[in-house]
Amino acid sequence: MNAVVHELIERAQALPIIERAKLIESLIESMSHADKEIEALWAIEAEARIDALERGDIELEGEPNLLTEFRARQK
């Protein structure tokens, strides 16, 4: 743990319990926001892949091929 994080933890622990709860809630909410950004990026990527598939730029591999490749890598 770096010095800045250690200092923040010490300062947070010195706060009254209500303020610590608000801080925790805010930190958790900020992490949730990051998840939404990642989900939005994946949605854009998924749409791009669907568009490429519909244009014929990429092809799907059948499940048997994927399973065979996966099993070969596991050996």
PDB file of N, CA and C in Angstrom:
ATOM      1  N   MET A   1       0.853  -1.169   0.000  1.00  0.00           N
ATOM      2  CA  MET A   1       0.000   0.000   0.000  1.00  0.00           C
ATOM      3  C   MET A   1       0.902   1.237   0.000  1.00  0.00           C
ATOM      4  N   ASN A   2       0.616   2.189  -0.893  1.00  0.00           N
ATOM      5  CA  ASN A   2       1.487   3.361  -0.949  1.00  0.00           C
ATOM      6  C   ASN A   2       1.160   4.360   0.161  1.00  0.00           C
ATOM      7  N   ALA A   3       2.032   5.325   0.346  1.00  0.00           N
ATOM      8  CA  ALA A   3       1.929   6.272   1.457  1.00  0.00           C
ATOM      9  C   ALA A   3       0.649   7.105   1.391  1.00  0.00           C
ATOM     10  N   VAL A   4       0.241   7.482   0.191  1.00  0.00           N
ATOM     11  CA  VAL A   4      -0.970   8.299   0.042  1.00  0.00           C
ATOM     12  C   VAL A   4      -2.201   7.521   0.507  1.00  0.00           C
ATOM     13  N   VAL A   5      -2.301   6.276   0.080  1.00  0.00           N
ATOM     14  CA  VAL A   5      -3.437   5.442   0.473  1.00  0.00           C
ATOM     15  C   VAL A   5      -3.422   5.225   1.985  1.00  0.00           C
ATOM     16  N   HIS A   6      -2.252   4.957   2.520  1.00  0.00           N
ATOM     17  CA  HIS A   6      -2.131   4.752   3.969  1.00  0.00           C
ATOM     18  C   HIS A   6      -2.590   5.996   4.729  1.00  0.00           C
ATOM     19  N   GLU A   7      -2.170   7.171   4.270  1.00  0.00           N
ATOM     20  CA  GLU A   7      -2.586   8.419   4.916  1.00  0.00           C
ATOM     21  C   GLU A   7      -4.094   8.623   4.809  1.00  0.00           C
ATOM     22  N   LEU A   8      -4.650   8.346   3.643  1.00  0.00           N
ATOM     23  CA  LEU A   8      -6.103   8.490   3.462  1.00  0.00           C
ATOM     24  C   LEU A   8      -6.871   7.577   4.413  1.00  0.00           C
ATOM     25  N   ILE A   9      -6.397   6.361   4.560  1.00  0.00           N
ATOM     26  CA  ILE A   9      -7.058   5.417   5.474  1.00  0.00           C
ATOM     27  C   ILE A   9      -7.003   5.940   6.899  1.00  0.00           C
ATOM     28  N   GLU A  10      -5.848   6.412   7.308  1.00  0.00           N
ATOM     29  CA  GLU A  10      -5.714   6.945   8.669  1.00  0.00           C
ATOM     30  C   GLU A  10      -6.639   8.133   8.890  1.00  0.00           C
ATOM     31  N   ARG A  11      -6.694   9.021   7.912  1.00  0.00           N
ATOM     32  CA  ARG A  11      -7.564  10.198   8.034  1.00  0.00           C
ATOM     33  C   ARG A  11      -9.031   9.785   8.036  1.00  0.00           C
ATOM     34  N   ALA A  12      -9.383   8.811   7.212  1.00  0.00           N
ATOM     35  CA  ALA A  12     -10.775   8.348   7.159  1.00  0.00           C
ATOM     36  C   ALA A  12     -11.176   7.699   8.478  1.00  0.00           C
ATOM     37  N   GLN A  13     -10.268   6.936   9.069  1.00  0.00           N
ATOM     38  CA  GLN A  13     -10.573   6.274  10.338  1.00  0.00           C
ATOM     39  C   GLN A  13     -10.755   7.270  11.479  1.00  0.00           C
ATOM     40  N   ALA A  14     -10.215   8.473  11.330  1.00  0.00           N
ATOM     41  CA  ALA A  14     -10.360   9.503  12.355  1.00  0.00           C
ATOM     42  C   ALA A  14     -11.697  10.240  12.251  1.00  0.00           C
ATOM     43  N   LEU A  15     -12.407  10.046  11.159  1.00  0.00           N
ATOM     44  CA  LEU A  15     -13.703  10.708  10.976  1.00  0.00           C
ATOM     45  C   LEU A  15     -14.756  10.104  11.895  1.00  0.00           C
ATOM     46  N   PRO A  16     -15.781  10.909  12.236  1.00  0.00           N
ATOM     47  CA  PRO A  16     -16.926  10.341  12.962  1.00  0.00           C
ATOM     48  C   PRO A  16     -17.578   9.251  12.107  1.00  0.00           C
ATOM     49  N   ILE A  17     -18.235   8.328  12.760  1.00  0.00           N
ATOM     50  CA  ILE A  17     -18.782   7.152  12.062  1.00  0.00           C
ATOM     51  C   ILE A  17     -19.738   7.524  10.934  1.00  0.00           C
ATOM     52  N   ILE A  18     -20.557   8.551  11.124  1.00  0.00           N
ATOM     53  CA  ILE A  18     -21.496   8.964  10.062  1.00  0.00           C
ATOM     54  C   ILE A  18     -20.718   9.440   8.838  1.00  0.00           C
ATOM     55  N   GLU A  19     -19.668  10.200   9.066  1.00  0.00           N
ATOM     56  CA  GLU A  19     -18.854  10.692   7.947  1.00  0.00           C
ATOM     57  C   GLU A  19     -18.128   9.544   7.251  1.00  0.00           C
ATOM     58  N   ARG A  20     -17.676   8.562   8.020  1.00  0.00           N
ATOM     59  CA  ARG A  20     -17.038   7.390   7.405  1.00  0.00           C
ATOM     60  C   ARG A  20     -18.032   6.633   6.537  1.00  0.00           C
ATOM     61  N   ALA A  21     -19.268   6.513   7.028  1.00  0.00           N
ATOM     62  CA  ALA A  21     -20.304   5.819   6.251  1.00  0.00           C
ATOM     63  C   ALA A  21     -20.575   6.551   4.943  1.00  0.00           C
ATOM     64  N   LYS A  22     -20.625   7.882   5.004  1.00  0.00           N
ATOM     65  CA  LYS A  22     -20.836   8.668   3.785  1.00  0.00           C
ATOM     66  C   LYS A  22     -19.675   8.492   2.817  1.00  0.00           C
ATOM     67  N   LEU A  23     -18.465   8.448   3.357  1.00  0.00           N
ATOM     68  CA  LEU A  23     -17.279   8.244   2.529  1.00  0.00           C
ATOM     69  C   LEU A  23     -17.321   6.881   1.847  1.00  0.00           C
ATOM     70  N   ILE A  24     -17.650   5.860   2.613  1.00  0.00           N
ATOM     71  CA  ILE A  24     -17.749   4.506   2.054  1.00  0.00           C
ATOM     72  C   ILE A  24     -18.794   4.460   0.951  1.00  0.00           C
ATOM     73  N   GLU A  25     -19.948   5.050   1.215  1.00  0.00           N
ATOM     74  CA  GLU A  25     -21.024   5.069   0.218  1.00  0.00           C
ATOM     75  C   GLU A  25     -20.565   5.764  -1.060  1.00  0.00           C
ATOM     76  N   SER A  26     -19.858   6.874  -0.910  1.00  0.00           N
ATOM     77  CA  SER A  26     -19.366   7.609  -2.063  1.00  0.00           C
ATOM     78  C   SER A  26     -18.348   6.799  -2.854  1.00  0.00           C
ATOM     79  N   LEU A  27     -17.441   6.107  -2.150  1.00  0.00           N
ATOM     80  CA  LEU A  27     -16.448   5.290  -2.836  1.00  0.00           C
ATOM     81  C   LEU A  27     -17.095   4.133  -3.591  1.00  0.00           C
ATOM     82  N   ILE A  28     -18.056   3.488  -2.961  1.00  0.00           N
ATOM     83  CA  ILE A  28     -18.746   2.377  -3.618  1.00  0.00           C
ATOM     84  C   ILE A  28     -19.500   2.874  -4.847  1.00  0.00           C
ATOM     85  N   GLU A  29     -20.150   4.022  -4.716  1.00  0.00           N
ATOM     86  CA  GLU A  29     -20.880   4.595  -5.847  1.00  0.00           C
ATOM     87  C   GLU A  29     -19.930   4.915  -6.997  1.00  0.00           C
ATOM     88  N   SER A  30     -18.730   5.415  -6.676  1.00  0.00           N
ATOM     89  CA  SER A  30     -17.774   5.739  -7.731  1.00  0.00           C
ATOM     90  C   SER A  30     -17.307   4.482  -8.455  1.00  0.00           C
ATOM     91  N   MET A  31     -17.230   3.366  -7.744  1.00  0.00           N
ATOM     92  CA  MET A  31     -16.847   2.102  -8.376  1.00  0.00           C
ATOM     93  C   MET A  31     -17.964   1.613  -9.279  1.00  0.00           C
ATOM     94  N   SER A  32     -19.184   1.797  -8.871  1.00  0.00           N
ATOM     95  CA  SER A  32     -20.332   1.405  -9.678  1.00  0.00           C
ATOM     96  C   SER A  32     -20.346   2.199 -10.971  1.00  0.00           C
ATOM     97  N   HIS A  33     -20.000   3.466 -10.885  1.00  0.00           N
ATOM     98  CA  HIS A  33     -19.952   4.317 -12.067  1.00  0.00           C
ATOM     99  C   HIS A  33     -18.939   3.781 -13.066  1.00  0.00           C
ATOM    100  N   ALA A  34     -17.811   3.333 -12.585  1.00  0.00           N
ATOM    101  CA  ALA A  34     -16.790   2.767 -13.463  1.00  0.00           C
ATOM    102  C   ALA A  34     -17.315   1.528 -14.171  1.00  0.00           C
ATOM    103  N   ASP A  35     -18.088   0.713 -13.453  1.00  0.00           N
ATOM    104  CA  ASP A  35     -18.667  -0.481 -14.074  1.00  0.00           C
ATOM    105  C   ASP A  35     -19.596  -0.096 -15.216  1.00  0.00           C
ATOM    106  N   LYS A  36     -20.356   0.977 -15.047  1.00  0.00           N
ATOM    107  CA  LYS A  36     -21.270   1.418 -16.099  1.00  0.00           C
ATOM    108  C   LYS A  36     -20.499   1.878 -17.327  1.00  0.00           C
ATOM    109  N   GLU A  37     -19.356   2.527 -17.117  1.00  0.00           N
ATOM    110  CA  GLU A  37     -18.527   2.948 -18.246  1.00  0.00           C
ATOM    111  C   GLU A  37     -17.992   1.730 -18.995  1.00  0.00           C
ATOM    112  N   ILE A  38     -17.555   0.732 -18.261  1.00  0.00           N
ATOM    113  CA  ILE A  38     -17.043  -0.496 -18.881  1.00  0.00           C
ATOM    114  C   ILE A  38     -18.157  -1.193 -19.644  1.00  0.00           C
ATOM    115  N   GLU A  39     -19.345  -1.265 -19.047  1.00  0.00           N
ATOM    116  CA  GLU A  39     -20.482  -1.887 -19.732  1.00  0.00           C
ATOM    117  C   GLU A  39     -20.809  -1.141 -21.012  1.00  0.00           C
ATOM    118  N   ALA A  40     -20.741   0.181 -20.985  1.00  0.00           N
ATOM    119  CA  ALA A  40     -21.028   0.978 -22.177  1.00  0.00           C
ATOM    120  C   ALA A  40     -19.992   0.699 -23.270  1.00  0.00           C
ATOM    121  N   LEU A  41     -18.724   0.589 -22.874  1.00  0.00           N
ATOM    122  CA  LEU A  41     -17.677   0.276 -23.850  1.00  0.00           C
ATOM    123  C   LEU A  41     -17.878  -1.110 -24.450  1.00  0.00           C
ATOM    124  N   TRP A  42     -18.264  -2.082 -23.620  1.00  0.00           N
ATOM    125  CA  TRP A  42     -18.518  -3.431 -24.140  1.00  0.00           C
ATOM    126  C   TRP A  42     -19.717  -3.423 -25.076  1.00  0.00           C
ATOM    127  N   ALA A  43     -20.728  -2.618 -24.781  1.00  0.00           N
ATOM    128  CA  ALA A  43     -21.898  -2.540 -25.661  1.00  0.00           C
ATOM    129  C   ALA A  43     -21.496  -1.998 -27.032  1.00  0.00           C
ATOM    130  N   ILE A  44     -20.634  -0.984 -27.040  1.00  0.00           N
ATOM    131  CA  ILE A  44     -20.145  -0.433 -28.307  1.00  0.00           C
ATOM    132  C   ILE A  44     -19.360  -1.489 -29.075  1.00  0.00           C
ATOM    133  N   GLU A  45     -18.491  -2.214 -28.357  1.00  0.00           N
ATOM    134  CA  GLU A  45     -17.701  -3.275 -28.997  1.00  0.00           C
ATOM    135  C   GLU A  45     -18.606  -4.370 -29.560  1.00  0.00           C
ATOM    136  N   ALA A  46     -19.614  -4.759 -28.798  1.00  0.00           N
ATOM    137  CA  ALA A  46     -20.540  -5.801 -29.255  1.00  0.00           C
ATOM    138  C   ALA A  46     -21.258  -5.360 -30.519  1.00  0.00           C
ATOM    139  N   GLU A  47     -21.709  -4.118 -30.554  1.00  0.00           N
ATOM    140  CA  GLU A  47     -22.391  -3.605 -31.747  1.00  0.00           C
ATOM    141  C   GLU A  47     -21.442  -3.600 -32.951  1.00  0.00           C
ATOM    142  N   ALA A  48     -20.194  -3.206 -32.722  1.00  0.00           N
ATOM    143  CA  ALA A  48     -19.216  -3.191 -33.814  1.00  0.00           C
ATOM    144  C   ALA A  48     -18.986  -4.601 -34.339  1.00  0.00           C
ATOM    145  N   ARG A  49     -18.926  -5.583 -33.446  1.00  0.00           N
ATOM    146  CA  ARG A  49     -18.720  -6.966 -33.883  1.00  0.00           C
ATOM    147  C   ARG A  49     -19.937  -7.490 -34.641  1.00  0.00           C
ATOM    148  N   ILE A  50     -21.135  -7.138 -34.190  1.00  0.00           N
ATOM    149  CA  ILE A  50     -22.358  -7.552 -34.896  1.00  0.00           C
ATOM    150  C   ILE A  50     -22.373  -6.943 -36.287  1.00  0.00           C
ATOM    151  N   ASP A  51     -22.040  -5.644 -36.379  1.00  0.00           N
ATOM    152  CA  ASP A  51     -22.000  -4.981 -37.680  1.00  0.00           C
ATOM    153  C   ASP A  51     -20.983  -5.654 -38.603  1.00  0.00           C
ATOM    154  N   ALA A  52     -19.802  -5.977 -38.076  1.00  0.00           N
ATOM    155  CA  ALA A  52     -18.771  -6.642 -38.882  1.00  0.00           C
ATOM    156  C   ALA A  52     -19.240  -8.012 -39.342  1.00  0.00           C
ATOM    157  N   LEU A  53     -19.949  -8.721 -38.482  1.00  0.00           N
ATOM    158  CA  LEU A  53     -20.488 -10.033 -38.830  1.00  0.00           C
ATOM    159  C   LEU A  53     -21.522  -9.904 -39.946  1.00  0.00           C
ATOM    160  N   GLU A  54     -22.403  -8.918 -39.821  1.00  0.00           N
ATOM    161  CA  GLU A  54     -23.449  -8.720 -40.832  1.00  0.00           C
ATOM    162  C   GLU A  54     -22.862  -8.292 -42.179  1.00  0.00           C
ATOM    163  N   ARG A  55     -21.746  -7.541 -42.161  1.00  0.00           N
ATOM    164  CA  ARG A  55     -21.082  -7.137 -43.404  1.00  0.00           C
ATOM    165  C   ARG A  55     -20.272  -8.270 -44.008  1.00  0.00           C
ATOM    166  N   GLY A  56     -20.043  -9.315 -43.237  1.00  0.00           N
ATOM    167  CA  GLY A  56     -19.239 -10.432 -43.713  1.00  0.00           C
ATOM    168  C   GLY A  56     -17.749 -10.235 -43.484  1.00  0.00           C
ATOM    169  N   ASP A  57     -17.392  -9.234 -42.682  1.00  0.00           N
ATOM    170  CA  ASP A  57     -15.974  -8.974 -42.402  1.00  0.00           C
ATOM    171  C   ASP A  57     -15.374 -10.027 -41.469  1.00  0.00           C
ATOM    172  N   ILE A  58     -16.206 -10.653 -40.662  1.00  0.00           N
ATOM    173  CA  ILE A  58     -15.756 -11.710 -39.753  1.00  0.00           C
ATOM    174  C   ILE A  58     -16.725 -12.877 -39.836  1.00  0.00           C
ATOM    175  N   GLU A  59     -16.262 -14.038 -39.454  1.00  0.00           N
ATOM    176  CA  GLU A  59     -17.113 -15.220 -39.436  1.00  0.00           C
ATOM    177  C   GLU A  59     -17.126 -15.801 -38.034  1.00  0.00           C
ATOM    178  N   LEU A  60     -18.232 -16.425 -37.700  1.00  0.00           N
ATOM    179  CA  LEU A  60     -18.328 -17.104 -36.416  1.00  0.00           C
ATOM    180  C   LEU A  60     -17.697 -18.472 -36.523  1.00  0.00           C
ATOM    181  N   GLU A  61     -17.067 -18.895 -35.457  1.00  0.00           N
ATOM    182  CA  GLU A  61     -16.561 -20.265 -35.400  1.00  0.00           C
ATOM    183  C   GLU A  61     -17.615 -21.100 -34.701  1.00  0.00           C
ATOM    184  N   GLY A  62     -17.816 -22.295 -35.195  1.00  0.00           N
ATOM    185  CA  GLY A  62     -18.797 -23.170 -34.585  1.00  0.00           C
ATOM    186  C   GLY A  62     -18.351 -23.652 -33.216  1.00  0.00           C
ATOM    187  N   GLU A  63     -19.297 -23.991 -32.402  1.00  0.00           N
ATOM    188  CA  GLU A  63     -19.008 -24.464 -31.048  1.00  0.00           C
ATOM    189  C   GLU A  63     -18.078 -25.675 -31.029  1.00  0.00           C
ATOM    190  N   PRO A  64     -18.262 -26.661 -31.895  1.00  0.00           N
ATOM    191  CA  PRO A  64     -17.344 -27.810 -31.861  1.00  0.00           C
ATOM    192  C   PRO A  64     -15.886 -27.397 -32.059  1.00  0.00           C
ATOM    193  N   ASN A  65     -15.624 -26.457 -32.965  1.00  0.00           N
ATOM    194  CA  ASN A  65     -14.252 -25.997 -33.190  1.00  0.00           C
ATOM    195  C   ASN A  65     -13.693 -25.331 -31.946  1.00  0.00           C
ATOM    196  N   LEU A  66     -14.479 -24.489 -31.327  1.00  0.00           N
ATOM    197  CA  LEU A  66     -14.016 -23.787 -30.136  1.00  0.00           C
ATOM    198  C   LEU A  66     -13.739 -24.757 -28.995  1.00  0.00           C
ATOM    199  N   LEU A  67     -14.630 -25.728 -28.819  1.00  0.00           N
ATOM    200  CA  LEU A  67     -14.428 -26.703 -27.752  1.00  0.00           C
ATOM    201  C   LEU A  67     -13.189 -27.554 -28.002  1.00  0.00           C
ATOM    202  N   THR A  68     -12.972 -27.927 -29.260  1.00  0.00           N
ATOM    203  CA  THR A  68     -11.791 -28.714 -29.605  1.00  0.00           C
ATOM    204  C   THR A  68     -10.516 -27.921 -29.308  1.00  0.00           C
ATOM    205  N   GLU A  69     -10.486 -26.656 -29.706  1.00  0.00           N
ATOM    206  CA  GLU A  69      -9.322 -25.809 -29.439  1.00  0.00           C
ATOM    207  C   GLU A  69      -9.104 -25.638 -27.935  1.00  0.00           C
ATOM    208  N   PHE A  70     -10.183 -25.427 -27.205  1.00  0.00           N
ATOM    209  CA  PHE A  70     -10.080 -25.250 -25.756  1.00  0.00           C
ATOM    210  C   PHE A  70      -9.517 -26.509 -25.091  1.00  0.00           C
ATOM    211  N   ARG A  71     -10.052 -27.654 -25.463  1.00  0.00           N
ATOM    212  CA  ARG A  71      -9.583 -28.907 -24.881  1.00  0.00           C
ATOM    213  C   ARG A  71      -8.126 -29.174 -25.226  1.00  0.00           C
ATOM    214  N   ALA A  72      -7.699 -28.832 -26.433  1.00  0.00           N
ATOM    215  CA  ALA A  72      -6.310 -29.024 -26.833  1.00  0.00           C
ATOM    216  C   ALA A  72      -5.375 -28.157 -26.001  1.00  0.00           C
ATOM    217  N   ARG A  73      -5.810 -26.957 -25.666  1.00  0.00           N
ATOM    218  CA  ARG A  73      -4.976 -26.062 -24.850  1.00  0.00           C
ATOM    219  C   ARG A  73      -4.899 -26.510 -23.402  1.00  0.00           C
ATOM    220  N   GLN A  74      -5.882 -27.257 -22.948  1.00  0.00           N
ATOM    221  CA  GLN A  74      -5.920 -27.690 -21.553  1.00  0.00           C
ATOM    222  C   GLN A  74      -5.004 -28.876 -21.292  1.00  0.00           C
ATOM    223  N   LYS A  75      -4.543 -29.545 -22.341  1.00  0.00           N
ATOM    224  CA  LYS A  75      -3.689 -30.733 -22.183  1.00  0.00           C
ATOM    225  C   LYS A  75      -2.269 -30.350 -21.905  1.00  0.00           C
TER     226      LYS A  75
END
